[in-house]
Amino acid sequence: LAMSNYNTITSLAESPVQEGIMYAGTDDGLLHVTEDGGENWTKIEVSSLPGVPNRAFVNDVRADLFDASTVYVCLDNHKEGDYKPYFYRSTDKGKSWTKLTNNLPKKLLVWRMVQDHVQKDLLFLATEFGIYFSPNAGQKWVKIKGGMPTIPVRDITIQRRENDLVAATFGRSFYVF
């Protein structure tokens, strides 16, 4: 991520609910959406999202596991000295966006997001300072503690068979919850 030269796709997501819906995020502040498997694409400038600066980096884009019209995006603007958290949801395939950072710290880079595969409103964020979760679709966030250090978590996923949350850190380690 640190060595991008713009015009690079940084994240891809395909809807698990409806065939043909895909999202692509880039390092130069663009999101692209297709509803026909890639025949036609609509470009979305991330600066059109409420409060997002021009050319913010798309760290992650995730299609909702339960609703074909819902998508999430994690952005960051740290290359411009801006360390605010940028995490948004669209329920209309990217036409409009809602900011979901609510009670997150004012300086918190958001790297990745994962949605629970059983409880649709349970969201997890991998951030520069650990993992946060929301049991209510991003209305309120809680930092995971209990042995989890305050370190950059660069990737996060759920291993469905075991129902484990797995987090990979920038410190070359991973944690299983």
C-alpha atoms as a PDB file:
ATOM      1  CA  LEU A   1       0.000   0.000   0.000  1.00  0.00           C
ATOM      2  CA  ALA A   2       2.771   2.465   0.746  1.00  0.00           C
ATOM      3  CA  MET A   3       4.327   2.173  -2.715  1.00  0.00           C
ATOM      4  CA  SER A   4       1.277   2.856  -4.919  1.00  0.00           C
ATOM      5  CA  ASN A   5       1.656   5.020  -8.009  1.00  0.00           C
ATOM      6  CA  TYR A   6      -2.031   5.879  -8.597  1.00  0.00           C
ATOM      7  CA  ASN A   7      -4.380   4.225 -11.074  1.00  0.00           C
ATOM      8  CA  THR A   8      -3.934   0.981  -9.134  1.00  0.00           C
ATOM      9  CA  ILE A   9      -6.842  -1.179  -7.996  1.00  0.00           C
ATOM     10  CA  THR A  10      -6.410  -1.678  -4.256  1.00  0.00           C
ATOM     11  CA  SER A  11      -9.565  -3.615  -3.432  1.00  0.00           C
ATOM     12  CA  LEU A  12     -12.150  -5.726  -5.259  1.00  0.00           C
ATOM     13  CA  ALA A  13     -15.458  -7.049  -3.949  1.00  0.00           C
ATOM     14  CA  GLU A  14     -18.087  -9.232  -5.562  1.00  0.00           C
ATOM     15  CA  SER A  15     -21.592  -9.481  -4.161  1.00  0.00           C
ATOM     16  CA  PRO A  16     -22.239 -12.894  -2.640  1.00  0.00           C
ATOM     17  CA  VAL A  17     -25.967 -12.181  -2.924  1.00  0.00           C
ATOM     18  CA  GLN A  18     -26.440 -11.177  -6.566  1.00  0.00           C
ATOM     19  CA  GLU A  19     -24.340 -12.300  -9.490  1.00  0.00           C
ATOM     20  CA  GLY A  20     -22.806  -9.521 -11.573  1.00  0.00           C
ATOM     21  CA  ILE A  21     -22.470  -6.844  -8.876  1.00  0.00           C
ATOM     22  CA  MET A  22     -18.806  -5.951  -8.297  1.00  0.00           C
ATOM     23  CA  TYR A  23     -16.911  -3.031  -6.778  1.00  0.00           C
ATOM     24  CA  ALA A  24     -13.360  -1.849  -7.388  1.00  0.00           C
ATOM     25  CA  GLY A  25     -11.512   0.723  -5.282  1.00  0.00           C
ATOM     26  CA  THR A  26      -8.321   2.506  -6.311  1.00  0.00           C
ATOM     27  CA  ASP A  27      -5.443   4.388  -4.764  1.00  0.00           C
ATOM     28  CA  ASP A  28      -6.382   7.626  -6.527  1.00  0.00           C
ATOM     29  CA  GLY A  29      -9.754   8.225  -4.903  1.00  0.00           C
ATOM     30  CA  LEU A  30     -12.111   6.313  -7.128  1.00  0.00           C
ATOM     31  CA  LEU A  31     -14.680   3.585  -6.669  1.00  0.00           C
ATOM     32  CA  HIS A  32     -16.182   1.724  -9.587  1.00  0.00           C
ATOM     33  CA  VAL A  33     -19.350  -0.382  -9.576  1.00  0.00           C
ATOM     34  CA  THR A  34     -20.795  -2.753 -12.133  1.00  0.00           C
ATOM     35  CA  GLU A  35     -24.133  -4.528 -12.021  1.00  0.00           C
ATOM     36  CA  ASP A  36     -23.624  -6.587 -15.178  1.00  0.00           C
ATOM     37  CA  GLY A  37     -20.461  -8.540 -14.462  1.00  0.00           C
ATOM     38  CA  GLY A  38     -18.094  -5.897 -15.798  1.00  0.00           C
ATOM     39  CA  GLU A  39     -19.711  -4.939 -19.116  1.00  0.00           C
ATOM     40  CA  ASN A  40     -20.456  -1.418 -17.853  1.00  0.00           C
ATOM     41  CA  TRP A  41     -18.907   0.459 -14.926  1.00  0.00           C
ATOM     42  CA  THR A  42     -19.998   3.560 -13.013  1.00  0.00           C
ATOM     43  CA  LYS A  43     -17.240   5.746 -11.546  1.00  0.00           C
ATOM     44  CA  ILE A  44     -17.688   7.293  -8.090  1.00  0.00           C
ATOM     45  CA  GLU A  45     -15.246   9.911  -6.841  1.00  0.00           C
ATOM     46  CA  VAL A  46     -14.671   9.332  -3.122  1.00  0.00           C
ATOM     47  CA  SER A  47     -14.712  13.094  -2.600  1.00  0.00           C
ATOM     48  CA  SER A  48     -18.476  12.863  -3.273  1.00  0.00           C
ATOM     49  CA  LEU A  49     -18.849  10.944   0.006  1.00  0.00           C
ATOM     50  CA  PRO A  50     -19.673  13.231   2.982  1.00  0.00           C
ATOM     51  CA  GLY A  51     -16.472  14.670   4.475  1.00  0.00           C
ATOM     52  CA  VAL A  52     -14.027  12.706   2.312  1.00  0.00           C
ATOM     53  CA  PRO A  53     -11.097  14.604   0.778  1.00  0.00           C
ATOM     54  CA  ASN A  54     -10.200  14.401  -2.883  1.00  0.00           C
ATOM     55  CA  ARG A  55      -8.062  11.373  -3.824  1.00  0.00           C
ATOM     56  CA  ALA A  56      -8.438   9.555  -0.500  1.00  0.00           C
ATOM     57  CA  PHE A  57      -6.972   6.070  -0.785  1.00  0.00           C
ATOM     58  CA  VAL A  58      -9.439   3.151  -0.949  1.00  0.00           C
ATOM     59  CA  ASN A  59      -8.071   0.645   1.562  1.00  0.00           C
ATOM     60  CA  ASP A  60     -10.999  -1.754   1.374  1.00  0.00           C
ATOM     61  CA  VAL A  61     -14.357  -2.190  -0.314  1.00  0.00           C
ATOM     62  CA  ARG A  62     -16.711  -4.972   0.830  1.00  0.00           C
ATOM     63  CA  ALA A  63     -20.045  -6.087  -0.560  1.00  0.00           C
ATOM     64  CA  ASP A  64     -22.621  -6.846   2.131  1.00  0.00           C
ATOM     65  CA  LEU A  65     -23.137 -10.550   2.828  1.00  0.00           C
ATOM     66  CA  PHE A  66     -26.934 -10.232   3.142  1.00  0.00           C
ATOM     67  CA  ASP A  67     -28.099  -7.363   0.904  1.00  0.00           C
ATOM     68  CA  ALA A  68     -27.156  -6.984  -2.766  1.00  0.00           C
ATOM     69  CA  SER A  69     -27.497  -3.182  -2.679  1.00  0.00           C
ATOM     70  CA  THR A  70     -25.232  -2.579   0.333  1.00  0.00           C
ATOM     71  CA  VAL A  71     -21.487  -1.926   0.174  1.00  0.00           C
ATOM     72  CA  TYR A  72     -18.887  -0.709   2.690  1.00  0.00           C
ATOM     73  CA  VAL A  73     -15.706   1.259   2.070  1.00  0.00           C
ATOM     74  CA  CYS A  74     -12.639   2.016   4.225  1.00  0.00           C
ATOM     75  CA  LEU A  75     -10.620   5.044   3.109  1.00  0.00           C
ATOM     76  CA  ASP A  76      -7.550   6.870   4.338  1.00  0.00           C
ATOM     77  CA  ASN A  77      -5.811  10.118   3.632  1.00  0.00           C
ATOM     78  CA  HIS A  78      -2.645   9.734   5.747  1.00  0.00           C
ATOM     79  CA  LYS A  79      -0.386  10.642   2.805  1.00  0.00           C
ATOM     80  CA  GLU A  80      -1.769  14.168   3.207  1.00  0.00           C
ATOM     81  CA  GLY A  81      -1.224  14.223   6.991  1.00  0.00           C
ATOM     82  CA  ASP A  82      -4.892  13.413   7.666  1.00  0.00           C
ATOM     83  CA  TYR A  83      -5.381  10.566  10.150  1.00  0.00           C
ATOM     84  CA  LYS A  84      -9.176  10.700  10.514  1.00  0.00           C
ATOM     85  CA  PRO A  85     -11.167   7.469  10.239  1.00  0.00           C
ATOM     86  CA  TYR A  86     -13.161   7.186   7.020  1.00  0.00           C
ATOM     87  CA  PHE A  87     -15.651   4.314   6.980  1.00  0.00           C
ATOM     88  CA  TYR A  88     -18.908   4.439   4.999  1.00  0.00           C
ATOM     89  CA  ARG A  89     -21.884   2.343   3.943  1.00  0.00           C
ATOM     90  CA  SER A  90     -24.085   2.671   0.894  1.00  0.00           C
ATOM     91  CA  THR A  91     -27.431   0.886   0.695  1.00  0.00           C
ATOM     92  CA  ASP A  92     -28.029   1.820  -2.944  1.00  0.00           C
ATOM     93  CA  LYS A  93     -24.938   0.436  -4.709  1.00  0.00           C
ATOM     94  CA  GLY A  94     -22.870   3.566  -4.162  1.00  0.00           C
ATOM     95  CA  LYS A  95     -25.331   6.300  -5.117  1.00  0.00           C
ATOM     96  CA  SER A  96     -25.457   7.719  -1.557  1.00  0.00           C
ATOM     97  CA  TRP A  97     -23.288   7.102   1.517  1.00  0.00           C
ATOM     98  CA  THR A  98     -23.569   7.185   5.312  1.00  0.00           C
ATOM     99  CA  LYS A  99     -20.542   7.810   7.533  1.00  0.00           C
ATOM    100  CA  LEU A 100     -20.172   5.089  10.191  1.00  0.00           C
ATOM    101  CA  THR A 101     -17.316   6.416  12.321  1.00  0.00           C
ATOM    102  CA  ASN A 102     -19.558   7.774  15.114  1.00  0.00           C
ATOM    103  CA  ASN A 103     -17.646   7.234  18.403  1.00  0.00           C
ATOM    104  CA  LEU A 104     -14.328   6.079  16.877  1.00  0.00           C
ATOM    105  CA  PRO A 105     -11.235   8.068  17.941  1.00  0.00           C
ATOM    106  CA  LYS A 106     -10.589  11.221  15.895  1.00  0.00           C
ATOM    107  CA  LYS A 107      -7.208   9.880  14.731  1.00  0.00           C
ATOM    108  CA  LEU A 108      -7.607   6.277  13.593  1.00  0.00           C
ATOM    109  CA  LEU A 109      -6.687   4.912  10.184  1.00  0.00           C
ATOM    110  CA  VAL A 110      -9.165   2.258   9.084  1.00  0.00           C
ATOM    111  CA  TRP A 111      -7.552  -0.489   7.010  1.00  0.00           C
ATOM    112  CA  ARG A 112     -10.118  -3.266   6.573  1.00  0.00           C
ATOM    113  CA  MET A 113     -13.646  -4.298   7.481  1.00  0.00           C
ATOM    114  CA  VAL A 114     -15.390  -7.636   7.828  1.00  0.00           C
ATOM    115  CA  GLN A 115     -19.056  -8.405   8.408  1.00  0.00           C
ATOM    116  CA  ASP A 116     -20.126 -11.383  10.480  1.00  0.00           C
ATOM    117  CA  HIS A 117     -21.647 -14.138   8.357  1.00  0.00           C
ATOM    118  CA  VAL A 118     -24.332 -14.969  10.957  1.00  0.00           C
ATOM    119  CA  GLN A 119     -25.253 -11.635  12.593  1.00  0.00           C
ATOM    120  CA  LYS A 120     -25.571  -9.107   9.757  1.00  0.00           C
ATOM    121  CA  ASP A 121     -25.197  -6.046  12.018  1.00  0.00           C
ATOM    122  CA  LEU A 122     -21.948  -7.269  13.623  1.00  0.00           C
ATOM    123  CA  LEU A 123     -19.041  -5.443  11.962  1.00  0.00           C
ATOM    124  CA  PHE A 124     -15.306  -5.540  12.682  1.00  0.00           C
ATOM    125  CA  LEU A 125     -12.712  -2.911  11.726  1.00  0.00           C
ATOM    126  CA  ALA A 126      -8.980  -3.499  11.409  1.00  0.00           C
ATOM    127  CA  THR A 127      -7.345  -0.178  12.315  1.00  0.00           C
ATOM    128  CA  GLU A 128      -3.976   1.397  12.983  1.00  0.00           C
ATOM    129  CA  PHE A 129      -4.566   0.935  16.728  1.00  0.00           C
ATOM    130  CA  GLY A 130      -6.200  -2.487  17.030  1.00  0.00           C
ATOM    131  CA  ILE A 131      -9.614  -3.944  16.295  1.00  0.00           C
ATOM    132  CA  TYR A 132     -12.995  -2.341  16.859  1.00  0.00           C
ATOM    133  CA  PHE A 133     -16.376  -4.010  16.601  1.00  0.00           C
ATOM    134  CA  SER A 134     -19.927  -2.781  16.315  1.00  0.00           C
ATOM    135  CA  PRO A 135     -22.890  -4.986  17.259  1.00  0.00           C
ATOM    136  CA  ASN A 136     -25.315  -2.513  15.672  1.00  0.00           C
ATOM    137  CA  ALA A 137     -24.150  -1.898  12.091  1.00  0.00           C
ATOM    138  CA  GLY A 138     -21.713   0.905  12.935  1.00  0.00           C
ATOM    139  CA  GLN A 139     -23.841   2.990  15.283  1.00  0.00           C
ATOM    140  CA  LYS A 140     -21.448   2.406  18.199  1.00  0.00           C
ATOM    141  CA  TRP A 141     -17.891   1.003  18.232  1.00  0.00           C
ATOM    142  CA  VAL A 142     -16.062  -0.902  20.978  1.00  0.00           C
ATOM    143  CA  LYS A 143     -12.323  -1.578  21.015  1.00  0.00           C
ATOM    144  CA  ILE A 144     -11.347  -5.227  21.468  1.00  0.00           C
ATOM    145  CA  LYS A 145      -9.033  -5.573  24.446  1.00  0.00           C
ATOM    146  CA  GLY A 146      -8.324  -8.652  26.568  1.00  0.00           C
ATOM    147  CA  GLY A 147      -4.840  -9.460  25.319  1.00  0.00           C
ATOM    148  CA  MET A 148      -5.050  -7.709  21.952  1.00  0.00           C
ATOM    149  CA  PRO A 149      -2.243  -5.119  21.795  1.00  0.00           C
ATOM    150  CA  THR A 150      -2.732  -1.633  20.413  1.00  0.00           C
ATOM    151  CA  ILE A 151      -0.963  -2.287  17.112  1.00  0.00           C
ATOM    152  CA  PRO A 152      -1.706  -1.824  13.409  1.00  0.00           C
ATOM    153  CA  VAL A 153      -4.059  -4.550  12.209  1.00  0.00           C
ATOM    154  CA  ARG A 154      -3.811  -4.584   8.433  1.00  0.00           C
ATOM    155  CA  ASP A 155      -6.189  -7.398   7.555  1.00  0.00           C
ATOM    156  CA  ILE A 156      -9.128  -9.142   9.146  1.00  0.00           C
ATOM    157  CA  THR A 157     -11.387 -12.012   8.169  1.00  0.00           C
ATOM    158  CA  ILE A 158     -13.751 -14.549   9.634  1.00  0.00           C
ATOM    159  CA  GLN A 159     -12.922 -18.217   9.289  1.00  0.00           C
ATOM    160  CA  ARG A 160     -16.503 -19.435   8.899  1.00  0.00           C
ATOM    161  CA  ARG A 161     -16.101 -23.129   9.655  1.00  0.00           C
ATOM    162  CA  GLU A 162     -14.712 -22.411  13.128  1.00  0.00           C
ATOM    163  CA  ASN A 163     -16.473 -19.040  13.595  1.00  0.00           C
ATOM    164  CA  ASP A 164     -13.093 -17.455  14.348  1.00  0.00           C
ATOM    165  CA  LEU A 165     -12.155 -13.831  13.803  1.00  0.00           C
ATOM    166  CA  VAL A 166      -8.610 -13.744  12.415  1.00  0.00           C
ATOM    167  CA  ALA A 167      -6.521 -10.568  12.412  1.00  0.00           C
ATOM    168  CA  ALA A 168      -3.145 -10.012  10.744  1.00  0.00           C
ATOM    169  CA  THR A 169      -0.905  -7.268  12.138  1.00  0.00           C
ATOM    170  CA  PHE A 170       1.736  -5.065  10.565  1.00  0.00           C
ATOM    171  CA  GLY A 171       4.079  -6.629  13.117  1.00  0.00           C
ATOM    172  CA  ARG A 172       4.008  -9.892  11.149  1.00  0.00           C
ATOM    173  CA  SER A 173       1.788 -11.803  13.521  1.00  0.00           C
ATOM    174  CA  PHE A 174      -1.836 -12.800  13.667  1.00  0.00           C
ATOM    175  CA  TYR A 175      -4.475 -13.288  16.315  1.00  0.00           C
ATOM    176  CA  VAL A 176      -7.396 -15.709  16.377  1.00  0.00           C
ATOM    177  CA  PHE A 177     -10.498 -14.924  18.426  1.00  0.00           C
END
